[in-house]
Every structure is written in structure tokens, then in C-alpha cells.
Amino acid sequence: MAAAAAARAVSAGSRLRGLPRTLPLVVILGATGTGKSTLALQLGQRLGGEIVSADSMQPQEMGTERVIDRKVELEKEDRHALHKRLSQVDPEMASRLHPHDKRKVARSLQVFEETGITHSEFLHRQHAEEGGGPLGGPLKFPNLCIFWLHADQTVLDERLDKRVDDMLAAGLLDELRDFHRRYNQKKVAENSQDYQHGIFQSIGFKEFHEYLVTEGKCTPETSNQLLKKGIESLKQVTKRYARKQNRWVKNRFLSRPGPSVPPVYGLDVSDVSKWEESVLEPALEIVQSFVQGHKPAAAPVKMPCSETENKRSYHMCDLCDRIIIGDREWAAHIKSKSHLHQLKKRRRLDLDAVATMESQSVSPDRDKELKEKGSPGQNEKELKSGV
């Protein structure tokens, strides 16, 4: 998960020395701005240990250039052609991925191209291993202690806005100008800039594109407006990303039943003035319980979930001409305004078609009766001629 921090105690503090238990891998999850790094540092200092950042942007700079380049190449292709190719080599995985999800489609194709084994086969093998479950294969680190830092959304939004302001005050614009000059200015001149891959897709740079490329080339008023636009965009994108991160935690860990899904302990970080008693102390107690080999007194976070829900089921809505992946998404779609509008429109068209058919089809008896009686105009003429 992006912006997640993980800490593994490799040498326990004085209070924990001499214990024969396997030390836990402590994982700290949470949206941006919730204090993951702060808690990781405090736990590492109190317990002794090694801290490893698991930010999603970092692995791209750590020896995976060839792999990432191939995935980038695939993502540049037409999404429908990409999905069609996947359906030819791995129809099972293609049925579970939406054609618009180019990243995952490209990843599945990449797996097949580099190994000769389909992505779906890899997943089947993982699930079949002892200890496998909804998250895949068996856990590499079975003694997992997972924390989820969460906060009231309104409080977090205000905190994120303030953090952007603090970053600007600390010299963010100077860093952006320098980065743009060194790594992106030439690409912009060649019209080859790419804000979808690598470090360029990270939040905090592309939002200032218009400001950076026009700085010094437009009026101060226009430049100031573009700067304000970039700042507001950065704040909005950051808050939207925080919501996405929380959804990821809920969908990945809290809504998936199964024996291999580790418990997640929630820590409310809404009130930072109570950090010691509401975050740090509970976290220390839980970690110490893991180290000592007994169940923590604190209860893990529980969310209602369905044992039968399929997150990758394939649904085709002929009415809306849309592909829907997942039981929950399908249930939401058939209740959506757009689907109900199309349904009402279809019913109206069907009723009109039935009415038209009824008006055009006259029964033989009724047709004979009309011929015998004649039309109203014809009967009137006959009466006049008789008179």
C-alpha cells in the first residue's frame, strides 16, 4: 500500500530481552497524514528494531527497471486490444478484469510473457498451498501485528490541507522548479511528458504542470492564478487519495474472511493531542503481547462481510452496454440512476412497440364486420342516395 510504514523488531529492548518467542513483523497501515512514520519511529526507538518504508513509489527505483518498462510498454497499447490478447492466453483472468483496468491487464500479460505460465494459474497454485486463502498464498511472516491508523474524515481533510500549506512554506515550489528543470523540461519541449508512470505519477508534481511550464512566460496575474489552481488541485487529490487508501485497507483486510487473513488493530488518530494514550501506549501493549506470545487484550477491527461475495465475478449489462466486475459492484449498478433510467427507457419503448403491433393487427372477425357494415362515410352516401 502506498505510504505504508512497516517496522520489524530485530533486536528487542531491555524489557523484552531473553524471550524465546519469534519477534513479530509490525505493519503500520493508514491513509496519508495519519502519522504512520511517527508511530514507526516511536516503536522502533522504544522496542529496538529496523524500520522499512513500503511506499509504492520506491520499488520502481530499486532494480526493477526492466520489468516496469515492459509493463509501461503494454499499458501504452489500446485497452481493448490488450484485453482481447489477455482473453486469448488467459481467459480466466480476462473474465475477472475490466477492459478499462489497463494496469492489471498489462500485469497479467507481463506475467505470462515472462514466465510462460498464466497469471490465473499462479493464483490457483498459491491458493492451493497450505495456509493459502483470500489474500493468496501462505503468509511469509506468520507472526504479523498489523495496525491501521484511522481518523475522522473531516479532521483528516483539515490536517491534509494544513500539511500542503506547511509543505509550501517549507520550500515545495523550489523543489518542484528544480525537479522540472532537471527531469521534465526537455520532455515537455518534446511533448513527451508522461504523468502516468514512474515517479512522475506521484502526487505533488503533475498538479503544478501548467504553472511550471508557463512560469515567466505569462503575466504575474495569470501565473498566480495557475499557482492557486495547482495548490487547490494538490489538496483535493491528496484528500481523494486518502479515501482511496482507507478503502484499500477495508477491502483488502477487513472485508475478507478467512483463516489466513491476519487481524488488524485499529488506532484512532483523530486527536493528536492524545497521541500517547490513544495511539502509542495501546500500540506498545499490543506489540508486547505478540512478542510474549499471547493474545492482545485489544480486539481487532471487525467489518461485516459476505462469505459468498465474489469480488471478481463478471457481469455484462446489455441494457447499459457496460462490463461490471464484482458482486457488490453489480448490485450497486442495477440500483444506480443510470441503469434505472435505461430500464425505464427500455420499458417505454417496449410498451410503444406493443401498442403499435396491436394497432396494426386486426382480427379476421372484426375485419369482416367492418366490411359488412362499411365505413361511416360510405354508409352516409348510401343513405343520401336512397333518399
Protein backbone atom coordinates (compact mmCIF):
# COMPACT_ATOMS: atom_id res chain seq x y z
CA MET A 1 0.00 0.00 0.00
CA ALA A 2 1.28 3.44 -0.84
CA ALA A 3 2.63 5.40 2.07
CA ALA A 4 2.52 2.44 4.45
CA ALA A 5 5.27 2.05 7.01
CA ALA A 6 6.48 -1.27 8.34
CA ALA A 7 8.77 -1.95 11.27
CA ARG A 8 10.25 -5.27 12.31
CA ALA A 9 11.86 -5.57 15.70
CA VAL A 10 15.19 -7.27 15.04
CA SER A 11 16.61 -6.60 18.50
CA ALA A 12 14.24 -6.22 21.41
CA GLY A 13 14.53 -3.56 24.08
CA SER A 14 15.78 -4.29 27.58
CA ARG A 15 12.31 -5.20 28.82
CA LEU A 16 11.91 -7.84 26.11
CA ARG A 17 15.37 -9.40 26.05
CA GLY A 18 15.72 -13.10 26.66
CA LEU A 19 12.29 -14.03 25.35
CA PRO A 20 12.44 -17.09 23.08
CA ARG A 21 9.44 -16.05 21.01
CA THR A 22 9.81 -15.13 17.34
CA LEU A 23 9.60 -11.38 17.12
CA PRO A 24 6.63 -10.08 15.13
CA LEU A 25 6.62 -8.16 11.90
CA VAL A 26 4.82 -4.94 12.77
CA VAL A 27 2.97 -3.37 9.85
CA ILE A 28 1.50 0.12 10.08
CA LEU A 29 -1.22 0.90 7.56
CA GLY A 30 -3.19 4.06 7.08
CA ALA A 31 -4.03 6.95 4.82
CA THR A 32 -1.54 9.68 4.15
CA GLY A 33 -1.32 12.15 7.02
CA THR A 34 -2.31 9.74 9.78
CA GLY A 35 1.14 9.53 11.40
CA LYS A 36 2.47 6.16 10.22
CA SER A 37 6.10 7.28 10.16
CA THR A 38 5.79 8.89 13.59
CA LEU A 39 4.45 5.70 15.16
CA ALA A 40 7.04 3.54 13.37
CA LEU A 41 9.87 5.68 14.73
CA GLN A 42 8.46 5.63 18.24
CA LEU A 43 8.00 1.85 18.23
CA GLY A 44 11.48 1.35 16.81
CA GLN A 45 13.04 3.58 19.46
CA ARG A 46 11.11 2.01 22.33
CA LEU A 47 11.50 -1.63 21.30
CA GLY A 48 14.63 -1.56 19.20
CA GLY A 49 14.26 -2.60 15.59
CA GLU A 50 14.61 -1.89 11.91
CA ILE A 51 12.19 0.35 10.03
CA VAL A 52 11.43 -0.32 6.37
CA SER A 53 9.40 2.09 4.26
CA ALA A 54 6.93 0.37 1.94
CA ASP A 55 5.94 3.38 -0.14
CA SER A 56 4.61 2.26 -3.52
CA MET A 57 6.77 4.75 -5.42
CA GLN A 58 10.08 3.43 -4.10
CA PRO A 59 10.23 -0.11 -5.57
CA GLN A 60 10.25 1.42 -9.05
CA GLU A 61 13.72 2.79 -8.39
CA MET A 62 15.17 -0.41 -6.92
CA GLY A 63 16.36 -2.67 -9.72
CA THR A 64 13.02 -3.36 -11.39
CA GLU A 65 13.51 -1.04 -14.35
CA ARG A 66 13.32 -3.79 -16.98
CA VAL A 67 10.13 -5.25 -15.56
CA ILE A 68 8.47 -1.87 -15.22
CA ASP A 69 9.48 -0.83 -18.73
CA ARG A 70 7.71 -3.86 -20.22
CA LYS A 71 4.59 -3.12 -18.21
CA VAL A 72 4.72 0.50 -19.34
CA GLU A 73 5.01 -0.62 -22.96
CA LEU A 74 1.92 -2.79 -22.60
CA GLU A 75 -0.06 -0.02 -20.94
CA LYS A 76 0.53 2.23 -23.94
CA GLU A 77 -1.41 -0.14 -26.19
CA ASP A 78 -5.14 0.10 -26.86
CA ARG A 79 -7.03 -1.18 -23.84
CA HIS A 80 -9.50 -3.27 -25.85
CA ALA A 81 -6.71 -4.88 -27.88
CA LEU A 82 -4.82 -5.52 -24.66
CA HIS A 83 -7.81 -7.18 -23.01
CA LYS A 84 -8.51 -9.24 -26.14
CA ARG A 85 -4.95 -10.54 -26.13
CA LEU A 86 -5.26 -11.48 -22.46
CA SER A 87 -8.53 -13.31 -23.15
CA GLN A 88 -6.68 -15.41 -25.73
CA VAL A 89 -3.85 -16.51 -23.42
CA ASP A 90 -5.60 -16.35 -20.04
CA PRO A 91 -9.40 -16.25 -20.46
CA GLU A 92 -10.00 -16.84 -16.75
CA MET A 93 -8.05 -13.76 -15.69
CA ALA A 94 -9.53 -11.73 -18.55
CA SER A 95 -13.03 -12.51 -17.27
CA ARG A 96 -12.06 -11.11 -13.86
CA LEU A 97 -10.54 -7.86 -15.11
CA HIS A 98 -12.36 -4.92 -16.63
CA PRO A 99 -11.01 -3.86 -20.06
CA HIS A 100 -10.54 -0.34 -18.67
CA ASP A 101 -8.20 -1.61 -15.94
CA LYS A 102 -5.11 -1.42 -18.14
CA ARG A 103 -2.63 -1.71 -15.29
CA LYS A 104 -3.90 -5.08 -14.10
CA VAL A 105 -4.47 -6.37 -17.63
CA ALA A 106 -0.92 -5.38 -18.55
CA ARG A 107 0.40 -7.00 -15.39
CA SER A 108 -1.32 -10.31 -16.20
CA LEU A 109 0.07 -10.26 -19.73
CA GLN A 110 3.51 -9.44 -18.36
CA VAL A 111 3.38 -12.47 -16.05
CA PHE A 112 2.52 -14.78 -18.94
CA GLU A 113 5.11 -13.31 -21.31
CA GLU A 114 7.94 -13.60 -18.80
CA THR A 115 7.12 -16.98 -17.27
CA GLY A 116 5.02 -18.85 -19.83
CA ILE A 117 2.51 -19.52 -17.04
CA THR A 118 -0.81 -17.71 -16.86
CA HIS A 119 -1.48 -15.34 -14.02
CA SER A 120 -4.60 -17.28 -13.04
CA GLU A 121 -2.55 -20.49 -12.77
CA PHE A 122 -0.10 -18.76 -10.44
CA LEU A 123 -3.00 -17.67 -8.23
CA HIS A 124 -4.51 -21.18 -8.21
CA ARG A 125 -1.18 -22.60 -7.08
CA GLN A 126 -0.89 -20.03 -4.30
CA HIS A 127 -4.41 -20.67 -3.04
CA ALA A 128 -3.78 -24.43 -3.07
CA GLU A 129 -0.72 -24.15 -0.83
CA GLU A 130 -1.10 -24.93 2.84
CA GLY A 131 -2.10 -21.74 4.57
CA GLY A 132 -3.41 -20.13 1.39
CA GLY A 133 -6.58 -18.07 1.45
CA PRO A 134 -8.37 -14.96 0.14
CA LEU A 135 -5.16 -12.92 0.07
CA GLY A 136 -3.27 -15.52 -1.95
CA GLY A 137 -0.64 -17.95 -0.75
CA PRO A 138 0.52 -18.58 2.82
CA LEU A 139 1.86 -15.63 4.77
CA LYS A 140 5.63 -15.21 4.53
CA PHE A 141 5.68 -13.77 8.05
CA PRO A 142 3.06 -15.66 10.09
CA ASN A 143 3.61 -13.59 13.25
CA LEU A 144 2.06 -10.40 11.91
CA CYS A 145 1.00 -7.45 14.03
CA ILE A 146 -0.94 -5.03 11.82
CA PHE A 147 -2.04 -1.56 12.88
CA TRP A 148 -4.49 0.61 10.95
CA LEU A 149 -4.28 4.30 11.77
CA HIS A 150 -7.60 5.97 11.02
CA ALA A 151 -9.17 9.34 11.74
CA ASP A 152 -12.43 11.18 11.38
CA GLN A 153 -12.61 12.18 7.71
CA THR A 154 -13.32 15.86 8.40
CA VAL A 155 -10.39 16.05 10.80
CA LEU A 156 -8.12 14.28 8.33
CA ASP A 157 -9.17 16.59 5.48
CA GLU A 158 -8.26 19.65 7.55
CA ARG A 159 -4.96 18.06 8.53
CA LEU A 160 -4.09 17.30 4.91
CA ASP A 161 -4.91 20.85 3.80
CA LYS A 162 -2.63 22.20 6.51
CA ARG A 163 0.11 19.79 5.54
CA VAL A 164 0.06 21.10 1.96
CA ASP A 165 0.34 24.65 3.31
CA ASP A 166 3.26 23.59 5.52
CA MET A 167 5.00 21.94 2.56
CA LEU A 168 4.65 25.13 0.53
CA ALA A 169 6.05 27.17 3.39
CA ALA A 170 8.98 24.75 3.66
CA GLY A 171 10.01 25.28 0.02
CA LEU A 172 7.94 22.87 -2.06
CA LEU A 173 7.82 25.21 -5.07
CA ASP A 174 11.61 25.50 -5.21
CA GLU A 175 11.89 21.71 -5.20
CA LEU A 176 9.29 21.43 -7.96
CA ARG A 177 11.05 24.01 -10.11
CA ASP A 178 14.37 22.22 -9.71
CA PHE A 179 12.86 18.83 -10.48
CA HIS A 180 11.03 20.22 -13.51
CA ARG A 181 14.19 21.85 -14.85
CA ARG A 182 16.33 18.74 -14.40
CA TYR A 183 13.96 15.95 -15.41
CA ASN A 184 10.83 17.22 -17.15
CA GLN A 185 11.51 20.45 -19.03
CA LYS A 186 13.05 18.69 -22.01
CA LYS A 187 10.21 16.17 -22.14
CA VAL A 188 7.67 18.99 -22.17
CA ALA A 189 9.51 20.70 -25.03
CA GLU A 190 9.37 17.42 -26.98
CA ASN A 191 5.75 16.87 -25.95
CA SER A 192 6.76 13.52 -24.45
CA GLN A 193 6.00 14.15 -20.78
CA ASP A 194 4.34 11.21 -19.04
CA TYR A 195 2.47 11.67 -15.78
CA GLN A 196 1.12 8.11 -15.68
CA HIS A 197 4.26 6.13 -14.86
CA GLY A 198 7.24 6.19 -12.55
CA ILE A 199 7.93 8.99 -10.13
CA PHE A 200 6.09 11.48 -12.38
CA GLN A 201 2.73 9.97 -11.41
CA SER A 202 3.25 10.73 -7.73
CA ILE A 203 1.02 13.32 -6.13
CA GLY A 204 2.55 16.77 -5.83
CA PHE A 205 4.18 17.28 -9.23
CA LYS A 206 1.74 16.91 -12.11
CA GLU A 207 -0.76 19.16 -10.33
CA PHE A 208 1.60 22.10 -10.97
CA HIS A 209 2.26 21.30 -14.64
CA GLU A 210 0.53 24.41 -16.05
CA TYR A 211 2.21 26.67 -13.52
CA LEU A 212 5.70 25.27 -14.15
CA VAL A 213 5.57 25.29 -17.95
CA THR A 214 4.21 28.85 -18.13
CA GLU A 215 6.20 30.47 -15.32
CA GLY A 216 7.98 33.52 -16.72
CA LYS A 217 6.03 33.28 -19.98
CA CYS A 218 2.75 34.83 -18.83
CA THR A 219 1.55 37.76 -16.76
CA PRO A 220 2.06 37.66 -12.98
CA GLU A 221 -1.72 37.58 -12.53
CA THR A 222 -2.08 34.51 -14.75
CA SER A 223 0.87 32.81 -13.08
CA ASN A 224 -0.63 33.45 -9.65
CA GLN A 225 -3.97 32.01 -10.77
CA LEU A 226 -2.26 28.87 -12.08
CA LEU A 227 -0.35 28.55 -8.81
CA LYS A 228 -3.58 28.75 -6.80
CA LYS A 229 -5.14 26.21 -9.14
CA GLY A 230 -2.22 23.84 -8.58
CA ILE A 231 -2.39 24.22 -4.81
CA GLU A 232 -6.13 23.56 -4.73
CA SER A 233 -5.71 20.58 -7.04
CA LEU A 234 -2.98 19.16 -4.79
CA LYS A 235 -5.23 19.46 -1.75
CA GLN A 236 -8.19 17.83 -3.49
CA VAL A 237 -6.13 14.98 -4.95
CA THR A 238 -4.46 14.31 -1.60
CA LYS A 239 -7.80 14.07 0.21
CA ARG A 240 -9.23 11.86 -2.51
CA TYR A 241 -6.17 9.61 -2.30
CA ALA A 242 -6.57 9.29 1.47
CA ARG A 243 -10.10 7.98 0.97
CA LYS A 244 -8.83 5.51 -1.62
CA GLN A 245 -6.17 4.25 0.79
CA ASN A 246 -8.75 3.62 3.51
CA ARG A 247 -10.97 1.75 1.07
CA TRP A 248 -7.98 -0.40 0.16
CA VAL A 249 -7.42 -1.37 3.79
CA LYS A 250 -11.09 -2.18 4.29
CA ASN A 251 -11.40 -4.21 1.10
CA ARG A 252 -8.06 -5.96 1.41
CA PHE A 253 -8.07 -6.88 5.09
CA LEU A 254 -11.28 -6.03 6.90
CA SER A 255 -13.87 -7.34 4.44
CA ARG A 256 -12.21 -10.63 3.54
CA PRO A 257 -12.95 -13.58 5.80
CA GLY A 258 -10.55 -16.48 6.01
CA PRO A 259 -8.02 -18.13 8.31
CA SER A 260 -5.01 -16.62 6.53
CA VAL A 261 -6.24 -13.03 6.83
CA PRO A 262 -4.35 -11.59 9.83
CA PRO A 263 -6.15 -9.45 12.43
CA VAL A 264 -5.91 -5.68 12.11
CA TYR A 265 -5.86 -3.46 15.19
CA GLY A 266 -7.35 -0.01 14.73
CA LEU A 267 -5.87 3.10 16.33
CA ASP A 268 -7.86 6.34 16.22
CA VAL A 269 -5.53 9.25 15.45
CA SER A 270 -8.20 11.96 15.18
CA ASP A 271 -6.98 13.82 18.27
CA VAL A 272 -3.19 14.17 18.07
CA SER A 273 -3.14 15.86 21.49
CA LYS A 274 -3.98 12.43 22.94
CA TRP A 275 -1.40 10.55 20.87
CA GLU A 276 0.38 8.98 23.83
CA GLU A 277 -2.69 7.45 25.48
CA SER A 278 -4.79 6.70 22.38
CA VAL A 279 -2.11 5.59 19.90
CA LEU A 280 1.39 4.93 21.24
CA GLU A 281 0.56 3.18 24.52
CA PRO A 282 -2.08 0.84 23.01
CA ALA A 283 0.31 0.02 20.15
CA LEU A 284 3.12 -0.83 22.59
CA GLU A 285 0.83 -3.09 24.61
CA ILE A 286 -0.32 -4.95 21.51
CA VAL A 287 3.23 -5.45 20.19
CA GLN A 288 4.41 -6.68 23.59
CA SER A 289 1.54 -9.19 23.63
CA PHE A 290 2.72 -10.55 20.28
CA VAL A 291 6.31 -10.74 21.49
CA GLN A 292 5.27 -12.60 24.63
CA GLY A 293 3.16 -14.98 22.60
CA HIS A 294 -0.31 -14.28 23.94
CA LYS A 295 -3.43 -12.72 22.50
CA PRO A 296 -3.70 -8.94 22.91
CA ALA A 297 -6.40 -7.61 25.20
CA ALA A 298 -7.48 -5.17 22.49
CA ALA A 299 -9.94 -6.54 19.95
CA PRO A 300 -9.10 -6.33 16.24
CA VAL A 301 -11.27 -4.33 13.86
CA LYS A 302 -14.25 -6.24 12.51
CA MET A 303 -16.37 -5.37 9.50
CA PRO A 304 -19.47 -7.16 8.19
CA CYS A 305 -18.59 -9.31 5.21
CA SER A 306 -20.18 -11.91 2.99
CA GLU A 307 -18.71 -15.39 2.79
CA THR A 308 -20.16 -15.88 -0.69
CA GLU A 309 -19.35 -12.49 -2.21
CA ASN A 310 -17.22 -12.74 -5.33
CA LYS A 311 -15.10 -9.64 -5.87
CA ARG A 312 -14.07 -10.76 -9.36
CA SER A 313 -17.34 -12.04 -10.82
CA TYR A 314 -18.06 -10.94 -14.40
CA HIS A 315 -21.34 -9.24 -15.31
CA MET A 316 -22.40 -7.79 -18.65
CA CYS A 317 -25.21 -5.24 -18.61
CA ASP A 318 -26.64 -5.33 -22.13
CA LEU A 319 -29.02 -2.53 -21.24
CA CYS A 320 -26.19 -0.08 -20.43
CA ASP A 321 -23.56 -1.79 -22.61
CA ARG A 322 -21.18 -1.99 -19.65
CA ILE A 323 -19.00 -4.66 -18.08
CA ILE A 324 -19.22 -4.86 -14.30
CA ILE A 325 -16.70 -6.76 -12.17
CA GLY A 326 -17.70 -7.93 -8.68
CA ASP A 327 -20.96 -8.92 -6.98
CA ARG A 328 -21.10 -5.77 -4.88
CA GLU A 329 -20.42 -3.53 -7.88
CA TRP A 330 -23.13 -5.34 -9.86
CA ALA A 331 -25.66 -4.90 -7.06
CA ALA A 332 -24.81 -1.20 -6.93
CA HIS A 333 -25.06 -0.86 -10.71
CA ILE A 334 -28.56 -2.30 -11.04
CA LYS A 335 -29.72 0.21 -8.41
CA SER A 336 -27.91 3.16 -9.99
CA LYS A 337 -29.74 6.09 -11.57
CA SER A 338 -28.17 5.48 -14.97
CA HIS A 339 -29.29 1.84 -15.05
CA LEU A 340 -32.80 2.63 -13.81
CA HIS A 341 -33.07 5.36 -16.44
CA GLN A 342 -32.11 2.90 -19.17
CA LEU A 343 -34.55 0.36 -17.73
CA LYS A 344 -37.40 2.86 -17.76
CA LYS A 345 -36.49 3.88 -21.30
CA ARG A 346 -36.48 0.26 -22.46
CA ARG A 347 -39.87 -0.44 -20.87
CA ARG A 348 -41.34 2.64 -22.53
CA LEU A 349 -40.02 1.52 -25.90
CA ASP A 350 -41.40 -1.97 -25.34
CA LEU A 351 -44.85 -0.58 -24.50
CA ASP A 352 -44.81 1.61 -27.60
CA ALA A 353 -43.84 -1.38 -29.71
CA VAL A 354 -46.68 -3.48 -28.28
CA ALA A 355 -49.19 -0.69 -28.88
CA THR A 356 -48.01 -0.33 -32.48
CA MET A 357 -48.32 -4.05 -33.11
CA GLU A 358 -51.83 -4.12 -31.63
CA SER A 359 -52.96 -1.22 -33.80
CA GLN A 360 -51.59 -2.90 -36.91
CA SER A 361 -53.07 -6.33 -36.24
CA VAL A 362 -56.88 -6.59 -36.64
CA SER A 363 -58.70 -9.88 -36.01
CA PRO A 364 -60.37 -11.60 -39.05
CA ASP A 365 -63.86 -11.40 -37.48
CA ARG A 366 -63.50 -7.69 -36.80
CA ASP A 367 -62.24 -7.12 -40.35
CA LYS A 368 -65.27 -8.97 -41.81
CA GLU A 369 -67.66 -6.99 -39.61
CA LEU A 370 -66.19 -3.70 -40.80
CA LYS A 371 -66.53 -4.73 -44.45
CA GLU A 372 -70.18 -5.74 -44.00
CA LYS A 373 -71.08 -2.51 -42.24
CA GLY A 374 -68.89 -0.39 -44.46
CA SER A 375 -67.12 2.73 -43.43
CA PRO A 376 -69.08 5.61 -41.83
CA GLY A 377 -68.60 7.75 -44.94
CA GLN A 378 -69.83 5.00 -47.25
CA ASN A 379 -72.99 4.40 -45.16
CA GLU A 380 -73.78 8.11 -45.20
CA LYS A 381 -73.55 8.24 -49.01
CA GLU A 382 -75.85 5.22 -49.33
CA LEU A 383 -78.46 6.88 -47.10
CA LYS A 384 -78.38 10.09 -49.14
CA SER A 385 -78.72 8.25 -52.44
CA GLY A 386 -81.67 6.30 -51.05
CA VAL A 387 -83.47 9.50 -50.14
